[in-house]
Amino acid sequence: MRILRRFLARVKNFAMGQRSREFGIRIAVGATRGNVMAVVFHQGLVLTLIATSV
């Protein structure tokens, strides 16, 4: 179980790192912090659900 949690944390960090430029662009175009946080939360939730269903 520990290995799965570590793997999931690494996947989440990698996914957020890959999208950091996108988040910067969203904010520059006019998205609020709440909108960006909603995207981050949604992606994290999806990854968690996928990992726990395996």
Foldseek 3Di string as FASTA:
>chain_A
DVVLVVVLVVVLVVVCVVCVVVLVVCVVVPDDPVVSVVVSVVVSVVSVVVSVVD
